[in-house]
Amino acid sequence: MTGGPFDELDDYIAMPRVSGLAVSADGSRVVTTIAELNTAKTEYVTSVWELDPLGEQPARRLTRGAKGESAPAFTSDGDLLFHRGAPE
């Protein structure tokens, strides 16, 4: 089988990278970070996405910062916190 993302190094590098997982205390919310190449294909930019814990709804992107966001975490009250990349 050919034509998959593992056949060419550039295709593999361009694949989004999923990392980290945060679950709210009550289990009703799940978020993760996804790193994707920027338009110049020179660096990865990470954004925070919310996932449906029941798997019924598609993932929803929550952030779109130019420098990216990372390290999502929920407070005990259910608020979502994350680190935002520093502006230039």
PDB file of N, CA and C in Angstrom:
ATOM      1  N   MET A   1       0.854  -1.182   0.000  1.00  0.00           N
ATOM      2  CA  MET A   1       0.000   0.000   0.000  1.00  0.00           C
ATOM      3  C   MET A   1       0.894   1.237   0.000  1.00  0.00           C
ATOM      4  N   THR A   2       0.627   2.177  -0.880  1.00  0.00           N
ATOM      5  CA  THR A   2       1.421   3.397  -0.960  1.00  0.00           C
ATOM      6  C   THR A   2       0.502   4.604  -0.912  1.00  0.00           C
ATOM      7  N   GLY A   3       1.115   5.755  -0.781  1.00  0.00           N
ATOM      8  CA  GLY A   3       0.353   6.993  -0.776  1.00  0.00           C
ATOM      9  C   GLY A   3      -0.064   7.470   0.603  1.00  0.00           C
ATOM     10  N   GLY A   4       0.354   6.806   1.661  1.00  0.00           N
ATOM     11  CA  GLY A   4      -0.007   7.216   3.011  1.00  0.00           C
ATOM     12  C   GLY A   4       0.966   8.237   3.567  1.00  0.00           C
ATOM     13  N   PRO A   5       0.671   8.790   4.746  1.00  0.00           N
ATOM     14  CA  PRO A   5       1.531   9.826   5.329  1.00  0.00           C
ATOM     15  C   PRO A   5       2.909   9.319   5.762  1.00  0.00           C
ATOM     16  N   PHE A   6       3.089   8.002   5.808  1.00  0.00           N
ATOM     17  CA  PHE A   6       4.372   7.471   6.240  1.00  0.00           C
ATOM     18  C   PHE A   6       5.296   7.166   5.065  1.00  0.00           C
ATOM     19  N   ASP A   7       4.813   7.367   3.848  1.00  0.00           N
ATOM     20  CA  ASP A   7       5.635   7.115   2.666  1.00  0.00           C
ATOM     21  C   ASP A   7       6.631   8.241   2.398  1.00  0.00           C
ATOM     22  N   GLU A   8       6.238   9.459   2.674  1.00  0.00           N
ATOM     23  CA  GLU A   8       7.086  10.631   2.423  1.00  0.00           C
ATOM     24  C   GLU A   8       7.338  11.371   3.728  1.00  0.00           C
ATOM     25  N   LEU A   9       8.576  11.720   3.977  1.00  0.00           N
ATOM     26  CA  LEU A   9       8.936  12.409   5.212  1.00  0.00           C
ATOM     27  C   LEU A   9       8.180  13.725   5.360  1.00  0.00           C
ATOM     28  N   ASP A  10       8.052  14.507   4.281  1.00  0.00           N
ATOM     29  CA  ASP A  10       7.340  15.789   4.359  1.00  0.00           C
ATOM     30  C   ASP A  10       5.882  15.597   4.749  1.00  0.00           C
ATOM     31  N   ASP A  11       5.253  14.538   4.250  1.00  0.00           N
ATOM     32  CA  ASP A  11       3.860  14.257   4.611  1.00  0.00           C
ATOM     33  C   ASP A  11       3.750  13.881   6.082  1.00  0.00           C
ATOM     34  N   TYR A  12       4.710  13.099   6.541  1.00  0.00           N
ATOM     35  CA  TYR A  12       4.718  12.702   7.953  1.00  0.00           C
ATOM     36  C   TYR A  12       4.907  13.918   8.860  1.00  0.00           C
ATOM     37  N   ILE A  13       5.848  14.774   8.508  1.00  0.00           N
ATOM     38  CA  ILE A  13       6.116  15.979   9.310  1.00  0.00           C
ATOM     39  C   ILE A  13       4.906  16.908   9.336  1.00  0.00           C
ATOM     40  N   ALA A  14       4.142  16.935   8.258  1.00  0.00           N
ATOM     41  CA  ALA A  14       2.975  17.820   8.174  1.00  0.00           C
ATOM     42  C   ALA A  14       1.769  17.314   8.951  1.00  0.00           C
ATOM     43  N   MET A  15       1.818  16.083   9.446  1.00  0.00           N
ATOM     44  CA  MET A  15       0.684  15.549  10.203  1.00  0.00           C
ATOM     45  C   MET A  15       0.526  16.299  11.526  1.00  0.00           C
ATOM     46  N   PRO A  16      -0.705  16.629  11.916  1.00  0.00           N
ATOM     47  CA  PRO A  16      -0.931  17.274  13.215  1.00  0.00           C
ATOM     48  C   PRO A  16      -0.467  16.364  14.351  1.00  0.00           C
ATOM     49  N   ARG A  17       0.029  16.984  15.421  1.00  0.00           N
ATOM     50  CA  ARG A  17       0.523  16.254  16.593  1.00  0.00           C
ATOM     51  C   ARG A  17      -0.405  16.526  17.767  1.00  0.00           C
ATOM     52  N   VAL A  18      -0.930  15.482  18.355  1.00  0.00           N
ATOM     53  CA  VAL A  18      -1.814  15.603  19.516  1.00  0.00           C
ATOM     54  C   VAL A  18      -0.989  15.338  20.764  1.00  0.00           C
ATOM     55  N   SER A  19      -1.139  16.211  21.757  1.00  0.00           N
ATOM     56  CA  SER A  19      -0.408  16.000  23.004  1.00  0.00           C
ATOM     57  C   SER A  19      -1.205  16.559  24.172  1.00  0.00           C
ATOM     58  N   GLY A  20      -0.997  15.964  25.307  1.00  0.00           N
ATOM     59  CA  GLY A  20      -1.669  16.429  26.511  1.00  0.00           C
ATOM     60  C   GLY A  20      -3.154  16.153  26.466  1.00  0.00           C
ATOM     61  N   LEU A  21      -3.716  15.951  27.612  1.00  0.00           N
ATOM     62  CA  LEU A  21      -5.141  15.718  27.740  1.00  0.00           C
ATOM     63  C   LEU A  21      -5.551  16.211  29.113  1.00  0.00           C
ATOM     64  N   ALA A  22      -6.590  17.013  29.141  1.00  0.00           N
ATOM     65  CA  ALA A  22      -7.103  17.508  30.423  1.00  0.00           C
ATOM     66  C   ALA A  22      -8.589  17.180  30.492  1.00  0.00           C
ATOM     67  N   VAL A  23      -9.004  16.657  31.635  1.00  0.00           N
ATOM     68  CA  VAL A  23     -10.401  16.284  31.854  1.00  0.00           C
ATOM     69  C   VAL A  23     -10.908  17.071  33.056  1.00  0.00           C
ATOM     70  N   SER A  24     -12.082  17.668  32.917  1.00  0.00           N
ATOM     71  CA  SER A  24     -12.667  18.403  34.041  1.00  0.00           C
ATOM     72  C   SER A  24     -12.991  17.428  35.166  1.00  0.00           C
ATOM     73  N   ALA A  25     -13.094  17.959  36.386  1.00  0.00           N
ATOM     74  CA  ALA A  25     -13.318  17.118  37.567  1.00  0.00           C
ATOM     75  C   ALA A  25     -14.583  16.279  37.452  1.00  0.00           C
ATOM     76  N   ASP A  26     -15.619  16.819  36.816  1.00  0.00           N
ATOM     77  CA  ASP A  26     -16.868  16.063  36.691  1.00  0.00           C
ATOM     78  C   ASP A  26     -16.908  15.176  35.442  1.00  0.00           C
ATOM     79  N   GLY A  27     -15.848  15.231  34.621  1.00  0.00           N
ATOM     80  CA  GLY A  27     -15.765  14.395  33.435  1.00  0.00           C
ATOM     81  C   GLY A  27     -16.573  14.872  32.249  1.00  0.00           C
ATOM     82  N   SER A  28     -17.185  16.038  32.359  1.00  0.00           N
ATOM     83  CA  SER A  28     -18.046  16.521  31.280  1.00  0.00           C
ATOM     84  C   SER A  28     -17.287  17.213  30.151  1.00  0.00           C
ATOM     85  N   ARG A  29     -16.035  17.594  30.405  1.00  0.00           N
ATOM     86  CA  ARG A  29     -15.246  18.282  29.383  1.00  0.00           C
ATOM     87  C   ARG A  29     -13.863  17.652  29.263  1.00  0.00           C
ATOM     88  N   VAL A  30     -13.408  17.532  28.010  1.00  0.00           N
ATOM     89  CA  VAL A  30     -12.084  17.003  27.718  1.00  0.00           C
ATOM     90  C   VAL A  30     -11.447  17.933  26.700  1.00  0.00           C
ATOM     91  N   VAL A  31     -10.211  18.353  26.962  1.00  0.00           N
ATOM     92  CA  VAL A  31      -9.483  19.186  26.010  1.00  0.00           C
ATOM     93  C   VAL A  31      -8.094  18.593  25.768  1.00  0.00           C
ATOM     94  N   THR A  32      -7.536  18.926  24.624  1.00  0.00           N
ATOM     95  CA  THR A  32      -6.197  18.490  24.253  1.00  0.00           C
ATOM     96  C   THR A  32      -5.532  19.603  23.458  1.00  0.00           C
ATOM     97  N   THR A  33      -4.260  19.441  23.167  1.00  0.00           N
ATOM     98  CA  THR A  33      -3.576  20.396  22.299  1.00  0.00           C
ATOM     99  C   THR A  33      -3.188  19.677  21.012  1.00  0.00           C
ATOM    100  N   ILE A  34      -3.300  20.410  19.909  1.00  0.00           N
ATOM    101  CA  ILE A  34      -2.921  19.885  18.609  1.00  0.00           C
ATOM    102  C   ILE A  34      -1.939  20.863  17.984  1.00  0.00           C
ATOM    103  N   ALA A  35      -0.769  20.347  17.601  1.00  0.00           N
ATOM    104  CA  ALA A  35       0.260  21.157  16.952  1.00  0.00           C
ATOM    105  C   ALA A  35       0.207  20.902  15.451  1.00  0.00           C
ATOM    106  N   GLU A  36       0.147  21.991  14.680  1.00  0.00           N
ATOM    107  CA  GLU A  36       0.134  21.906  13.224  1.00  0.00           C
ATOM    108  C   GLU A  36       1.200  22.835  12.666  1.00  0.00           C
ATOM    109  N   LEU A  37       1.731  22.507  11.506  1.00  0.00           N
ATOM    110  CA  LEU A  37       2.713  23.377  10.870  1.00  0.00           C
ATOM    111  C   LEU A  37       2.061  24.705  10.490  1.00  0.00           C
ATOM    112  N   ASN A  38       2.827  25.796  10.641  1.00  0.00           N
ATOM    113  CA  ASN A  38       2.326  27.092  10.194  1.00  0.00           C
ATOM    114  C   ASN A  38       2.308  27.124   8.667  1.00  0.00           C
ATOM    115  N   THR A  39       1.778  28.186   8.090  1.00  0.00           N
ATOM    116  CA  THR A  39       1.646  28.250   6.634  1.00  0.00           C
ATOM    117  C   THR A  39       2.993  28.231   5.920  1.00  0.00           C
ATOM    118  N   ALA A  40       4.034  28.736   6.565  1.00  0.00           N
ATOM    119  CA  ALA A  40       5.373  28.712   5.976  1.00  0.00           C
ATOM    120  C   ALA A  40       6.047  27.346   6.134  1.00  0.00           C
ATOM    121  N   LYS A  41       5.418  26.466   6.916  1.00  0.00           N
ATOM    122  CA  LYS A  41       5.950  25.124   7.191  1.00  0.00           C
ATOM    123  C   LYS A  41       7.329  25.176   7.848  1.00  0.00           C
ATOM    124  N   THR A  42       7.492  26.163   8.737  1.00  0.00           N
ATOM    125  CA  THR A  42       8.777  26.333   9.428  1.00  0.00           C
ATOM    126  C   THR A  42       8.716  26.018  10.912  1.00  0.00           C
ATOM    127  N   GLU A  43       7.507  25.990  11.487  1.00  0.00           N
ATOM    128  CA  GLU A  43       7.368  25.672  12.899  1.00  0.00           C
ATOM    129  C   GLU A  43       5.947  25.211  13.186  1.00  0.00           C
ATOM    130  N   TYR A  44       5.811  24.503  14.293  1.00  0.00           N
ATOM    131  CA  TYR A  44       4.495  24.049  14.727  1.00  0.00           C
ATOM    132  C   TYR A  44       3.841  25.115  15.587  1.00  0.00           C
ATOM    133  N   VAL A  45       2.539  25.288  15.427  1.00  0.00           N
ATOM    134  CA  VAL A  45       1.741  26.184  16.255  1.00  0.00           C
ATOM    135  C   VAL A  45       0.685  25.312  16.920  1.00  0.00           C
ATOM    136  N   THR A  46       0.574  25.438  18.230  1.00  0.00           N
ATOM    137  CA  THR A  46      -0.314  24.581  19.007  1.00  0.00           C
ATOM    138  C   THR A  46      -1.586  25.321  19.388  1.00  0.00           C
ATOM    139  N   SER A  47      -2.694  24.629  19.306  1.00  0.00           N
ATOM    140  CA  SER A  47      -3.982  25.196  19.709  1.00  0.00           C
ATOM    141  C   SER A  47      -4.701  24.217  20.635  1.00  0.00           C
ATOM    142  N   VAL A  48      -5.651  24.746  21.379  1.00  0.00           N
ATOM    143  CA  VAL A  48      -6.433  23.943  22.318  1.00  0.00           C
ATOM    144  C   VAL A  48      -7.747  23.552  21.641  1.00  0.00           C
ATOM    145  N   TRP A  49      -8.064  22.278  21.727  1.00  0.00           N
ATOM    146  CA  TRP A  49      -9.288  21.729  21.142  1.00  0.00           C
ATOM    147  C   TRP A  49     -10.109  21.043  22.232  1.00  0.00           C
ATOM    148  N   GLU A  50     -11.432  21.155  22.116  1.00  0.00           N
ATOM    149  CA  GLU A  50     -12.320  20.445  23.030  1.00  0.00           C
ATOM    150  C   GLU A  50     -12.862  19.198  22.329  1.00  0.00           C
ATOM    151  N   LEU A  51     -12.844  18.087  23.044  1.00  0.00           N
ATOM    152  CA  LEU A  51     -13.332  16.814  22.529  1.00  0.00           C
ATOM    153  C   LEU A  51     -14.601  16.429  23.264  1.00  0.00           C
ATOM    154  N   ASP A  52     -15.517  15.811  22.570  1.00  0.00           N
ATOM    155  CA  ASP A  52     -16.742  15.326  23.195  1.00  0.00           C
ATOM    156  C   ASP A  52     -16.417  14.028  23.936  1.00  0.00           C
ATOM    157  N   PRO A  53     -16.552  14.009  25.273  1.00  0.00           N
ATOM    158  CA  PRO A  53     -16.213  12.790  26.012  1.00  0.00           C
ATOM    159  C   PRO A  53     -17.084  11.592  25.643  1.00  0.00           C
ATOM    160  N   LEU A  54     -18.239  11.831  25.041  1.00  0.00           N
ATOM    161  CA  LEU A  54     -19.110  10.734  24.616  1.00  0.00           C
ATOM    162  C   LEU A  54     -18.843  10.322  23.170  1.00  0.00           C
ATOM    163  N   GLY A  55     -18.026  11.114  22.455  1.00  0.00           N
ATOM    164  CA  GLY A  55     -17.702  10.793  21.075  1.00  0.00           C
ATOM    165  C   GLY A  55     -18.836  11.040  20.088  1.00  0.00           C
ATOM    166  N   GLU A  56     -19.793  11.862  20.453  1.00  0.00           N
ATOM    167  CA  GLU A  56     -20.949  12.113  19.592  1.00  0.00           C
ATOM    168  C   GLU A  56     -20.797  13.350  18.722  1.00  0.00           C
ATOM    169  N   GLN A  57     -19.986  14.317  19.152  1.00  0.00           N
ATOM    170  CA  GLN A  57     -19.800  15.566  18.424  1.00  0.00           C
ATOM    171  C   GLN A  57     -18.364  15.645  17.903  1.00  0.00           C
ATOM    172  N   PRO A  58     -18.149  16.382  16.812  1.00  0.00           N
ATOM    173  CA  PRO A  58     -16.774  16.534  16.323  1.00  0.00           C
ATOM    174  C   PRO A  58     -15.953  17.413  17.274  1.00  0.00           C
ATOM    175  N   ALA A  59     -14.644  17.276  17.199  1.00  0.00           N
ATOM    176  CA  ALA A  59     -13.755  18.129  17.996  1.00  0.00           C
ATOM    177  C   ALA A  59     -13.973  19.581  17.599  1.00  0.00           C
ATOM    178  N   ARG A  60     -13.772  20.480  18.579  1.00  0.00           N
ATOM    179  CA  ARG A  60     -14.003  21.913  18.341  1.00  0.00           C
ATOM    180  C   ARG A  60     -12.770  22.691  18.764  1.00  0.00           C
ATOM    181  N   ARG A  61     -12.221  23.474  17.841  1.00  0.00           N
ATOM    182  CA  ARG A  61     -11.039  24.280  18.145  1.00  0.00           C
ATOM    183  C   ARG A  61     -11.444  25.459  19.015  1.00  0.00           C
ATOM    184  N   LEU A  62     -10.723  25.652  20.137  1.00  0.00           N
ATOM    185  CA  LEU A  62     -11.047  26.728  21.078  1.00  0.00           C
ATOM    186  C   LEU A  62     -10.143  27.942  20.938  1.00  0.00           C
ATOM    187  N   THR A  63      -8.900  27.754  20.493  1.00  0.00           N
ATOM    188  CA  THR A  63      -7.951  28.869  20.429  1.00  0.00           C
ATOM    189  C   THR A  63      -7.340  28.972  19.039  1.00  0.00           C
ATOM    190  N   ARG A  64      -6.886  30.187  18.694  1.00  0.00           N
ATOM    191  CA  ARG A  64      -6.282  30.435  17.391  1.00  0.00           C
ATOM    192  C   ARG A  64      -5.147  31.450  17.486  1.00  0.00           C
ATOM    193  N   GLY A  65      -4.390  31.414  18.562  1.00  0.00           N
ATOM    194  CA  GLY A  65      -3.304  32.365  18.744  1.00  0.00           C
ATOM    195  C   GLY A  65      -2.164  32.144  17.758  1.00  0.00           C
ATOM    196  N   ALA A  66      -1.562  33.225  17.304  1.00  0.00           N
ATOM    197  CA  ALA A  66      -0.463  33.141  16.334  1.00  0.00           C
ATOM    198  C   ALA A  66       0.750  32.415  16.906  1.00  0.00           C
ATOM    199  N   LYS A  67       0.989  32.545  18.195  1.00  0.00           N
ATOM    200  CA  LYS A  67       2.127  31.886  18.834  1.00  0.00           C
ATOM    201  C   LYS A  67       1.753  30.548  19.456  1.00  0.00           C
ATOM    202  N   GLY A  68       0.470  30.267  19.522  1.00  0.00           N
ATOM    203  CA  GLY A  68       0.032  28.982  20.039  1.00  0.00           C
ATOM    204  C   GLY A  68      -0.278  28.987  21.524  1.00  0.00           C
ATOM    205  N   GLU A  69      -0.969  27.949  21.935  1.00  0.00           N
ATOM    206  CA  GLU A  69      -1.346  27.759  23.327  1.00  0.00           C
ATOM    207  C   GLU A  69      -1.007  26.329  23.725  1.00  0.00           C
ATOM    208  N   SER A  70      -0.809  26.139  25.032  1.00  0.00           N
ATOM    209  CA  SER A  70      -0.438  24.809  25.504  1.00  0.00           C
ATOM    210  C   SER A  70      -0.857  24.633  26.955  1.00  0.00           C
ATOM    211  N   ALA A  71      -0.600  23.448  27.472  1.00  0.00           N
ATOM    212  CA  ALA A  71      -0.790  23.099  28.884  1.00  0.00           C
ATOM    213  C   ALA A  71      -2.197  23.395  29.411  1.00  0.00           C
ATOM    214  N   PRO A  72      -3.240  22.910  28.737  1.00  0.00           N
ATOM    215  CA  PRO A  72      -4.576  23.151  29.265  1.00  0.00           C
ATOM    216  C   PRO A  72      -4.790  22.404  30.583  1.00  0.00           C
ATOM    217  N   ALA A  73      -5.564  23.038  31.451  1.00  0.00           N
ATOM    218  CA  ALA A  73      -5.895  22.429  32.744  1.00  0.00           C
ATOM    219  C   ALA A  73      -7.210  23.025  33.226  1.00  0.00           C
ATOM    220  N   PHE A  74      -7.947  22.239  33.968  1.00  0.00           N
ATOM    221  CA  PHE A  74      -9.201  22.716  34.542  1.00  0.00           C
ATOM    222  C   PHE A  74      -9.001  23.041  36.014  1.00  0.00           C
ATOM    223  N   THR A  75      -9.662  24.107  36.469  1.00  0.00           N
ATOM    224  CA  THR A  75      -9.682  24.408  37.895  1.00  0.00           C
ATOM    225  C   THR A  75     -10.711  23.487  38.552  1.00  0.00           C
ATOM    226  N   SER A  76     -10.736  23.482  39.880  1.00  0.00           N
ATOM    227  CA  SER A  76     -11.720  22.655  40.593  1.00  0.00           C
ATOM    228  C   SER A  76     -13.149  23.122  40.323  1.00  0.00           C
ATOM    229  N   ASP A  77     -13.304  24.401  39.908  1.00  0.00           N
ATOM    230  CA  ASP A  77     -14.625  24.935  39.571  1.00  0.00           C
ATOM    231  C   ASP A  77     -15.026  24.664  38.124  1.00  0.00           C
ATOM    232  N   GLY A  78     -14.109  24.065  37.330  1.00  0.00           N
ATOM    233  CA  GLY A  78     -14.423  23.741  35.949  1.00  0.00           C
ATOM    234  C   GLY A  78     -13.970  24.754  34.921  1.00  0.00           C
ATOM    235  N   ASP A  79     -13.297  25.827  35.375  1.00  0.00           N
ATOM    236  CA  ASP A  79     -12.777  26.809  34.425  1.00  0.00           C
ATOM    237  C   ASP A  79     -11.560  26.224  33.706  1.00  0.00           C
ATOM    238  N   LEU A  80     -11.411  26.556  32.417  1.00  0.00           N
ATOM    239  CA  LEU A  80     -10.294  26.073  31.625  1.00  0.00           C
ATOM    240  C   LEU A  80      -9.188  27.119  31.607  1.00  0.00           C
ATOM    241  N   LEU A  81      -7.981  26.699  31.960  1.00  0.00           N
ATOM    242  CA  LEU A  81      -6.806  27.560  31.915  1.00  0.00           C
ATOM    243  C   LEU A  81      -5.819  26.962  30.925  1.00  0.00           C
ATOM    244  N   PHE A  82      -5.006  27.818  30.299  1.00  0.00           N
ATOM    245  CA  PHE A  82      -3.961  27.332  29.406  1.00  0.00           C
ATOM    246  C   PHE A  82      -2.886  28.398  29.285  1.00  0.00           C
ATOM    247  N   HIS A  83      -1.737  28.006  28.781  1.00  0.00           N
ATOM    248  CA  HIS A  83      -0.626  28.917  28.588  1.00  0.00           C
ATOM    249  C   HIS A  83      -0.686  29.448  27.172  1.00  0.00           C
ATOM    250  N   ARG A  84      -0.593  30.763  27.033  1.00  0.00           N
ATOM    251  CA  ARG A  84      -0.591  31.404  25.724  1.00  0.00           C
ATOM    252  C   ARG A  84       0.830  31.788  25.363  1.00  0.00           C
ATOM    253  N   GLY A  85       1.244  31.511  24.119  1.00  0.00           N
ATOM    254  CA  GLY A  85       2.575  31.865  23.659  1.00  0.00           C
ATOM    255  C   GLY A  85       2.804  33.367  23.751  1.00  0.00           C
ATOM    256  N   ALA A  86       4.027  33.750  24.048  1.00  0.00           N
ATOM    257  CA  ALA A  86       4.362  35.169  24.190  1.00  0.00           C
ATOM    258  C   ALA A  86       4.359  35.870  22.835  1.00  0.00           C
ATOM    259  N   PRO A  87       3.829  37.093  22.747  1.00  0.00           N
ATOM    260  CA  PRO A  87       3.849  37.837  21.489  1.00  0.00           C
ATOM    261  C   PRO A  87       5.283  38.265  21.155  1.00  0.00           C
ATOM    262  N   GLU A  88       5.527  38.525  19.876  1.00  0.00           N
ATOM    263  CA  GLU A  88       6.866  38.985  19.469  1.00  0.00           C
ATOM    264  C   GLU A  88       7.068  40.430  19.834  1.00  0.00           C
TER     265      GLU A  88
END
